[in-house]
Amino acid sequence: MTFKQIKTKAKRDAVTWTMYVMEAVGRAKRTGHIITLHVGKEQSAMILQDALLSLAMSGEDAAWNVQIQTHTVH
């Protein structure tokens, strides 16, 4: 895999995670309910948690209503 392919994949992954988080926050805002995001890796959970914390600290109160649940296979 070339550097350009790796860079393109990283950008695509970042956009995918952003859409995942923003959709959950939007749903939490619309419904007022707790929304749970299910992920399979600890690293994914940390990425999502960082994004949610950043949104919450920026004034997006609905981000506090999004939980992350990790389902790892050991």
PDB file of N, CA and C in Angstrom:
ATOM      1  N   MET A   1       0.845  -1.163   0.000  1.00  0.00           N
ATOM      2  CA  MET A   1       0.000   0.000   0.000  1.00  0.00           C
ATOM      3  C   MET A   1       0.902   1.241   0.000  1.00  0.00           C
ATOM      4  N   THR A   2       0.633   2.156  -0.882  1.00  0.00           N
ATOM      5  CA  THR A   2       1.452   3.360  -0.983  1.00  0.00           C
ATOM      6  C   THR A   2       1.022   4.391   0.058  1.00  0.00           C
ATOM      7  N   PHE A   3       1.874   5.387   0.256  1.00  0.00           N
ATOM      8  CA  PHE A   3       1.572   6.453   1.205  1.00  0.00           C
ATOM      9  C   PHE A   3       0.294   7.186   0.811  1.00  0.00           C
ATOM     10  N   LYS A   4       0.108   7.411  -0.478  1.00  0.00           N
ATOM     11  CA  LYS A   4      -1.086   8.117  -0.944  1.00  0.00           C
ATOM     12  C   LYS A   4      -2.347   7.303  -0.625  1.00  0.00           C
ATOM     13  N   GLN A   5      -2.288   5.991  -0.804  1.00  0.00           N
ATOM     14  CA  GLN A   5      -3.432   5.135  -0.495  1.00  0.00           C
ATOM     15  C   GLN A   5      -3.729   5.132   1.007  1.00  0.00           C
ATOM     16  N   ILE A   6      -2.679   5.123   1.819  1.00  0.00           N
ATOM     17  CA  ILE A   6      -2.860   5.157   3.272  1.00  0.00           C
ATOM     18  C   ILE A   6      -3.485   6.481   3.691  1.00  0.00           C
ATOM     19  N   LYS A   7      -3.000   7.579   3.133  1.00  0.00           N
ATOM     20  CA  LYS A   7      -3.522   8.905   3.449  1.00  0.00           C
ATOM     21  C   LYS A   7      -4.991   9.014   3.041  1.00  0.00           C
ATOM     22  N   THR A   8      -5.347   8.497   1.872  1.00  0.00           N
ATOM     23  CA  THR A   8      -6.725   8.530   1.393  1.00  0.00           C
ATOM     24  C   THR A   8      -7.622   7.691   2.301  1.00  0.00           C
ATOM     25  N   LYS A   9      -7.152   6.515   2.716  1.00  0.00           N
ATOM     26  CA  LYS A   9      -7.934   5.669   3.615  1.00  0.00           C
ATOM     27  C   LYS A   9      -8.131   6.353   4.959  1.00  0.00           C
ATOM     28  N   ALA A  10      -7.120   7.016   5.473  1.00  0.00           N
ATOM     29  CA  ALA A  10      -7.242   7.719   6.757  1.00  0.00           C
ATOM     30  C   ALA A  10      -8.284   8.831   6.670  1.00  0.00           C
ATOM     31  N   LYS A  11      -8.302   9.551   5.570  1.00  0.00           N
ATOM     32  CA  LYS A  11      -9.298  10.609   5.389  1.00  0.00           C
ATOM     33  C   LYS A  11     -10.707  10.022   5.315  1.00  0.00           C
ATOM     34  N   ARG A  12     -10.843   8.936   4.572  1.00  0.00           N
ATOM     35  CA  ARG A  12     -12.147   8.287   4.435  1.00  0.00           C
ATOM     36  C   ARG A  12     -12.637   7.769   5.788  1.00  0.00           C
ATOM     37  N   ASP A  13     -11.731   7.185   6.566  1.00  0.00           N
ATOM     38  CA  ASP A  13     -12.088   6.692   7.900  1.00  0.00           C
ATOM     39  C   ASP A  13     -12.510   7.840   8.817  1.00  0.00           C
ATOM     40  N   ALA A  14     -11.798   8.962   8.747  1.00  0.00           N
ATOM     41  CA  ALA A  14     -12.136  10.112   9.578  1.00  0.00           C
ATOM     42  C   ALA A  14     -13.524  10.636   9.241  1.00  0.00           C
ATOM     43  N   VAL A  15     -13.845  10.683   7.956  1.00  0.00           N
ATOM     44  CA  VAL A  15     -15.171  11.146   7.545  1.00  0.00           C
ATOM     45  C   VAL A  15     -16.243  10.167   8.025  1.00  0.00           C
ATOM     46  N   THR A  16     -15.968   8.886   7.951  1.00  0.00           N
ATOM     47  CA  THR A  16     -16.925   7.877   8.402  1.00  0.00           C
ATOM     48  C   THR A  16     -17.195   8.013   9.902  1.00  0.00           C
ATOM     49  N   TRP A  17     -16.135   8.148  10.715  1.00  0.00           N
ATOM     50  CA  TRP A  17     -16.313   8.307  12.160  1.00  0.00           C
ATOM     51  C   TRP A  17     -17.063   9.595  12.471  1.00  0.00           C
ATOM     52  N   THR A  18     -16.745  10.660  11.748  1.00  0.00           N
ATOM     53  CA  THR A  18     -17.420  11.941  11.971  1.00  0.00           C
ATOM     54  C   THR A  18     -18.909  11.807  11.699  1.00  0.00           C
ATOM     55  N   MET A  19     -19.272  11.167  10.611  1.00  0.00           N
ATOM     56  CA  MET A  19     -20.679  10.990  10.277  1.00  0.00           C
ATOM     57  C   MET A  19     -21.375  10.135  11.339  1.00  0.00           C
ATOM     58  N   TYR A  20     -20.712   9.099  11.820  1.00  0.00           N
ATOM     59  CA  TYR A  20     -21.262   8.209  12.843  1.00  0.00           C
ATOM     60  C   TYR A  20     -21.576   8.990  14.126  1.00  0.00           C
ATOM     61  N   VAL A  21     -20.623   9.812  14.563  1.00  0.00           N
ATOM     62  CA  VAL A  21     -20.790  10.604  15.784  1.00  0.00           C
ATOM     63  C   VAL A  21     -21.861  11.676  15.597  1.00  0.00           C
ATOM     64  N   MET A  22     -21.806  12.394  14.497  1.00  0.00           N
ATOM     65  CA  MET A  22     -22.754  13.495  14.286  1.00  0.00           C
ATOM     66  C   MET A  22     -24.181  12.971  14.154  1.00  0.00           C
ATOM     67  N   GLU A  23     -24.344  11.808  13.548  1.00  0.00           N
ATOM     68  CA  GLU A  23     -25.691  11.249  13.447  1.00  0.00           C
ATOM     69  C   GLU A  23     -26.230  10.860  14.822  1.00  0.00           C
ATOM     70  N   ALA A  24     -25.378  10.288  15.669  1.00  0.00           N
ATOM     71  CA  ALA A  24     -25.799   9.911  17.021  1.00  0.00           C
ATOM     72  C   ALA A  24     -26.139  11.143  17.850  1.00  0.00           C
ATOM     73  N   VAL A  25     -25.341  12.192  17.746  1.00  0.00           N
ATOM     74  CA  VAL A  25     -25.608  13.424  18.489  1.00  0.00           C
ATOM     75  C   VAL A  25     -26.901  14.062  17.980  1.00  0.00           C
ATOM     76  N   GLY A  26     -27.107  14.062  16.687  1.00  0.00           N
ATOM     77  CA  GLY A  26     -28.346  14.604  16.119  1.00  0.00           C
ATOM     78  C   GLY A  26     -29.564  13.839  16.598  1.00  0.00           C
ATOM     79  N   ARG A  27     -29.449  12.518  16.649  1.00  0.00           N
ATOM     80  CA  ARG A  27     -30.562  11.692  17.124  1.00  0.00           C
ATOM     81  C   ARG A  27     -30.827  11.952  18.609  1.00  0.00           C
ATOM     82  N   ALA A  28     -29.760  12.114  19.388  1.00  0.00           N
ATOM     83  CA  ALA A  28     -29.916  12.413  20.820  1.00  0.00           C
ATOM     84  C   ALA A  28     -30.579  13.774  21.018  1.00  0.00           C
ATOM     85  N   LYS A  29     -30.224  14.719  20.167  1.00  0.00           N
ATOM     86  CA  LYS A  29     -30.810  16.054  20.262  1.00  0.00           C
ATOM     87  C   LYS A  29     -32.295  16.033  19.898  1.00  0.00           C
ATOM     88  N   ARG A  30     -32.636  15.308  18.837  1.00  0.00           N
ATOM     89  CA  ARG A  30     -34.036  15.245  18.381  1.00  0.00           C
ATOM     90  C   ARG A  30     -34.935  14.522  19.373  1.00  0.00           C
ATOM     91  N   THR A  31     -34.447  13.404  19.915  1.00  0.00           N
ATOM     92  CA  THR A  31     -35.298  12.574  20.750  1.00  0.00           C
ATOM     93  C   THR A  31     -35.182  12.864  22.239  1.00  0.00           C
ATOM     94  N   GLY A  32     -34.041  13.387  22.656  1.00  0.00           N
ATOM     95  CA  GLY A  32     -33.815  13.610  24.073  1.00  0.00           C
ATOM     96  C   GLY A  32     -33.484  12.333  24.830  1.00  0.00           C
ATOM     97  N   HIS A  33     -33.273  11.230  24.107  1.00  0.00           N
ATOM     98  CA  HIS A  33     -32.968   9.933  24.716  1.00  0.00           C
ATOM     99  C   HIS A  33     -31.456   9.689  24.701  1.00  0.00           C
ATOM    100  N   ILE A  34     -31.046   8.714  25.488  1.00  0.00           N
ATOM    101  CA  ILE A  34     -29.661   8.261  25.476  1.00  0.00           C
ATOM    102  C   ILE A  34     -29.470   7.390  24.234  1.00  0.00           C
ATOM    103  N   ILE A  35     -28.439   7.676  23.463  1.00  0.00           N
ATOM    104  CA  ILE A  35     -28.110   6.913  22.260  1.00  0.00           C
ATOM    105  C   ILE A  35     -26.840   6.120  22.547  1.00  0.00           C
ATOM    106  N   THR A  36     -26.829   4.853  22.188  1.00  0.00           N
ATOM    107  CA  THR A  36     -25.660   4.006  22.408  1.00  0.00           C
ATOM    108  C   THR A  36     -25.032   3.640  21.074  1.00  0.00           C
ATOM    109  N   LEU A  37     -23.729   3.893  20.968  1.00  0.00           N
ATOM    110  CA  LEU A  37     -22.957   3.493  19.787  1.00  0.00           C
ATOM    111  C   LEU A  37     -22.210   2.209  20.145  1.00  0.00           C
ATOM    112  N   HIS A  38     -22.328   1.198  19.310  1.00  0.00           N
ATOM    113  CA  HIS A  38     -21.680  -0.089  19.547  1.00  0.00           C
ATOM    114  C   HIS A  38     -20.456  -0.198  18.641  1.00  0.00           C
ATOM    115  N   VAL A  39     -19.308  -0.498  19.235  1.00  0.00           N
ATOM    116  CA  VAL A  39     -18.072  -0.651  18.476  1.00  0.00           C
ATOM    117  C   VAL A  39     -17.393  -1.949  18.883  1.00  0.00           C
ATOM    118  N   GLY A  40     -16.472  -2.409  18.049  1.00  0.00           N
ATOM    119  CA  GLY A  40     -15.817  -3.680  18.298  1.00  0.00           C
ATOM    120  C   GLY A  40     -14.383  -3.580  18.773  1.00  0.00           C
ATOM    121  N   LYS A  41     -13.814  -2.373  18.814  1.00  0.00           N
ATOM    122  CA  LYS A  41     -12.418  -2.226  19.218  1.00  0.00           C
ATOM    123  C   LYS A  41     -12.295  -1.113  20.251  1.00  0.00           C
ATOM    124  N   GLU A  42     -11.359  -1.304  21.174  1.00  0.00           N
ATOM    125  CA  GLU A  42     -11.083  -0.276  22.173  1.00  0.00           C
ATOM    126  C   GLU A  42     -10.616   1.022  21.504  1.00  0.00           C
ATOM    127  N   GLN A  43      -9.798   0.888  20.469  1.00  0.00           N
ATOM    128  CA  GLN A  43      -9.289   2.068  19.764  1.00  0.00           C
ATOM    129  C   GLN A  43     -10.451   2.859  19.143  1.00  0.00           C
ATOM    130  N   SER A  44     -11.409   2.174  18.585  1.00  0.00           N
ATOM    131  CA  SER A  44     -12.579   2.839  18.010  1.00  0.00           C
ATOM    132  C   SER A  44     -13.367   3.561  19.093  1.00  0.00           C
ATOM    133  N   ALA A  45     -13.518   2.923  20.233  1.00  0.00           N
ATOM    134  CA  ALA A  45     -14.238   3.541  21.344  1.00  0.00           C
ATOM    135  C   ALA A  45     -13.540   4.818  21.804  1.00  0.00           C
ATOM    136  N   MET A  46     -12.223   4.793  21.852  1.00  0.00           N
ATOM    137  CA  MET A  46     -11.474   5.980  22.280  1.00  0.00           C
ATOM    138  C   MET A  46     -11.614   7.120  21.273  1.00  0.00           C
ATOM    139  N   ILE A  47     -11.592   6.788  19.996  1.00  0.00           N
ATOM    140  CA  ILE A  47     -11.755   7.808  18.954  1.00  0.00           C
ATOM    141  C   ILE A  47     -13.123   8.467  19.084  1.00  0.00           C
ATOM    142  N   LEU A  48     -14.152   7.651  19.237  1.00  0.00           N
ATOM    143  CA  LEU A  48     -15.507   8.189  19.368  1.00  0.00           C
ATOM    144  C   LEU A  48     -15.655   8.997  20.650  1.00  0.00           C
ATOM    145  N   GLN A  49     -15.096   8.505  21.749  1.00  0.00           N
ATOM    146  CA  GLN A  49     -15.193   9.220  23.017  1.00  0.00           C
ATOM    147  C   GLN A  49     -14.504  10.575  22.931  1.00  0.00           C
ATOM    148  N   ASP A  50     -13.351  10.632  22.279  1.00  0.00           N
ATOM    149  CA  ASP A  50     -12.658  11.906  22.099  1.00  0.00           C
ATOM    150  C   ASP A  50     -13.499  12.885  21.287  1.00  0.00           C
ATOM    151  N   ALA A  51     -14.135  12.390  20.239  1.00  0.00           N
ATOM    152  CA  ALA A  51     -14.974  13.244  19.397  1.00  0.00           C
ATOM    153  C   ALA A  51     -16.184  13.757  20.183  1.00  0.00           C
ATOM    154  N   LEU A  52     -16.803  12.882  20.957  1.00  0.00           N
ATOM    155  CA  LEU A  52     -17.963  13.289  21.751  1.00  0.00           C
ATOM    156  C   LEU A  52     -17.578  14.295  22.831  1.00  0.00           C
ATOM    157  N   LEU A  53     -16.458  14.073  23.476  1.00  0.00           N
ATOM    158  CA  LEU A  53     -16.006  14.998  24.505  1.00  0.00           C
ATOM    159  C   LEU A  53     -15.695  16.372  23.905  1.00  0.00           C
ATOM    160  N   SER A  54     -15.081  16.359  22.747  1.00  0.00           N
ATOM    161  CA  SER A  54     -14.785  17.616  22.058  1.00  0.00           C
ATOM    162  C   SER A  54     -16.069  18.375  21.716  1.00  0.00           C
ATOM    163  N   LEU A  55     -17.063  17.659  21.216  1.00  0.00           N
ATOM    164  CA  LEU A  55     -18.352  18.294  20.911  1.00  0.00           C
ATOM    165  C   LEU A  55     -19.016  18.837  22.178  1.00  0.00           C
ATOM    166  N   ALA A  56     -18.984  18.053  23.248  1.00  0.00           N
ATOM    167  CA  ALA A  56     -19.609  18.475  24.506  1.00  0.00           C
ATOM    168  C   ALA A  56     -18.923  19.723  25.063  1.00  0.00           C
ATOM    169  N   MET A  57     -17.613  19.760  24.995  1.00  0.00           N
ATOM    170  CA  MET A  57     -16.870  20.916  25.495  1.00  0.00           C
ATOM    171  C   MET A  57     -17.051  22.148  24.612  1.00  0.00           C
ATOM    172  N   SER A  58     -17.458  21.912  23.377  1.00  0.00           N
ATOM    173  CA  SER A  58     -17.716  23.028  22.457  1.00  0.00           C
ATOM    174  C   SER A  58     -19.140  23.555  22.593  1.00  0.00           C
ATOM    175  N   GLY A  59     -19.909  22.986  23.525  1.00  0.00           N
ATOM    176  CA  GLY A  59     -21.243  23.492  23.777  1.00  0.00           C
ATOM    177  C   GLY A  59     -22.377  22.653  23.222  1.00  0.00           C
ATOM    178  N   GLU A  60     -22.074  21.508  22.654  1.00  0.00           N
ATOM    179  CA  GLU A  60     -23.123  20.633  22.124  1.00  0.00           C
ATOM    180  C   GLU A  60     -23.586  19.708  23.244  1.00  0.00           C
ATOM    181  N   ASP A  61     -24.613  20.128  23.979  1.00  0.00           N
ATOM    182  CA  ASP A  61     -25.074  19.381  25.159  1.00  0.00           C
ATOM    183  C   ASP A  61     -25.580  17.986  24.830  1.00  0.00           C
ATOM    184  N   ALA A  62     -26.102  17.767  23.632  1.00  0.00           N
ATOM    185  CA  ALA A  62     -26.619  16.450  23.257  1.00  0.00           C
ATOM    186  C   ALA A  62     -25.508  15.399  23.205  1.00  0.00           C
ATOM    187  N   ALA A  63     -24.258  15.823  23.085  1.00  0.00           N
ATOM    188  CA  ALA A  63     -23.144  14.869  23.053  1.00  0.00           C
ATOM    189  C   ALA A  63     -23.026  14.111  24.374  1.00  0.00           C
ATOM    190  N   TRP A  64     -23.501  14.707  25.468  1.00  0.00           N
ATOM    191  CA  TRP A  64     -23.468  14.026  26.762  1.00  0.00           C
ATOM    192  C   TRP A  64     -24.459  12.863  26.793  1.00  0.00           C
ATOM    193  N   ASN A  65     -25.415  12.841  25.875  1.00  0.00           N
ATOM    194  CA  ASN A  65     -26.428  11.781  25.840  1.00  0.00           C
ATOM    195  C   ASN A  65     -26.064  10.640  24.895  1.00  0.00           C
ATOM    196  N   VAL A  66     -24.826  10.587  24.460  1.00  0.00           N
ATOM    197  CA  VAL A  66     -24.373   9.494  23.588  1.00  0.00           C
ATOM    198  C   VAL A  66     -23.385   8.644  24.377  1.00  0.00           C
ATOM    199  N   GLN A  67     -23.679   7.362  24.472  1.00  0.00           N
ATOM    200  CA  GLN A  67     -22.802   6.403  25.164  1.00  0.00           C
ATOM    201  C   GLN A  67     -22.121   5.517  24.137  1.00  0.00           C
ATOM    202  N   ILE A  68     -20.991   4.977  24.536  1.00  0.00           N
ATOM    203  CA  ILE A  68     -20.266   4.057  23.669  1.00  0.00           C
ATOM    204  C   ILE A  68     -20.153   2.723  24.398  1.00  0.00           C
ATOM    205  N   GLN A  69     -20.513   1.664  23.703  1.00  0.00           N
ATOM    206  CA  GLN A  69     -20.411   0.321  24.259  1.00  0.00           C
ATOM    207  C   GLN A  69     -19.476  -0.499  23.379  1.00  0.00           C
ATOM    208  N   THR A  70     -18.450  -1.058  24.005  1.00  0.00           N
ATOM    209  CA  THR A  70     -17.453  -1.834  23.278  1.00  0.00           C
ATOM    210  C   THR A  70     -17.758  -3.324  23.404  1.00  0.00           C
ATOM    211  N   HIS A  71     -17.719  -4.013  22.272  1.00  0.00           N
ATOM    212  CA  HIS A  71     -17.937  -5.462  22.221  1.00  0.00           C
ATOM    213  C   HIS A  71     -16.668  -6.100  21.661  1.00  0.00           C
ATOM    214  N   THR A  72     -15.715  -6.378  22.541  1.00  0.00           N
ATOM    215  CA  THR A  72     -14.460  -6.947  22.075  1.00  0.00           C
ATOM    216  C   THR A  72     -14.501  -8.460  22.160  1.00  0.00           C
ATOM    217  N   VAL A  73     -13.734  -9.093  21.310  1.00  0.00           N
ATOM    218  CA  VAL A  73     -13.612 -10.547  21.301  1.00  0.00           C
ATOM    219  C   VAL A  73     -12.227 -10.889  21.815  1.00  0.00           C
ATOM    220  N   HIS A  74     -12.180 -11.671  22.891  1.00  0.00           N
ATOM    221  CA  HIS A  74     -10.881 -12.038  23.488  1.00  0.00           C
ATOM    222  C   HIS A  74     -10.729 -13.525  23.467  1.00  0.00           C
TER     223      HIS A  74
END
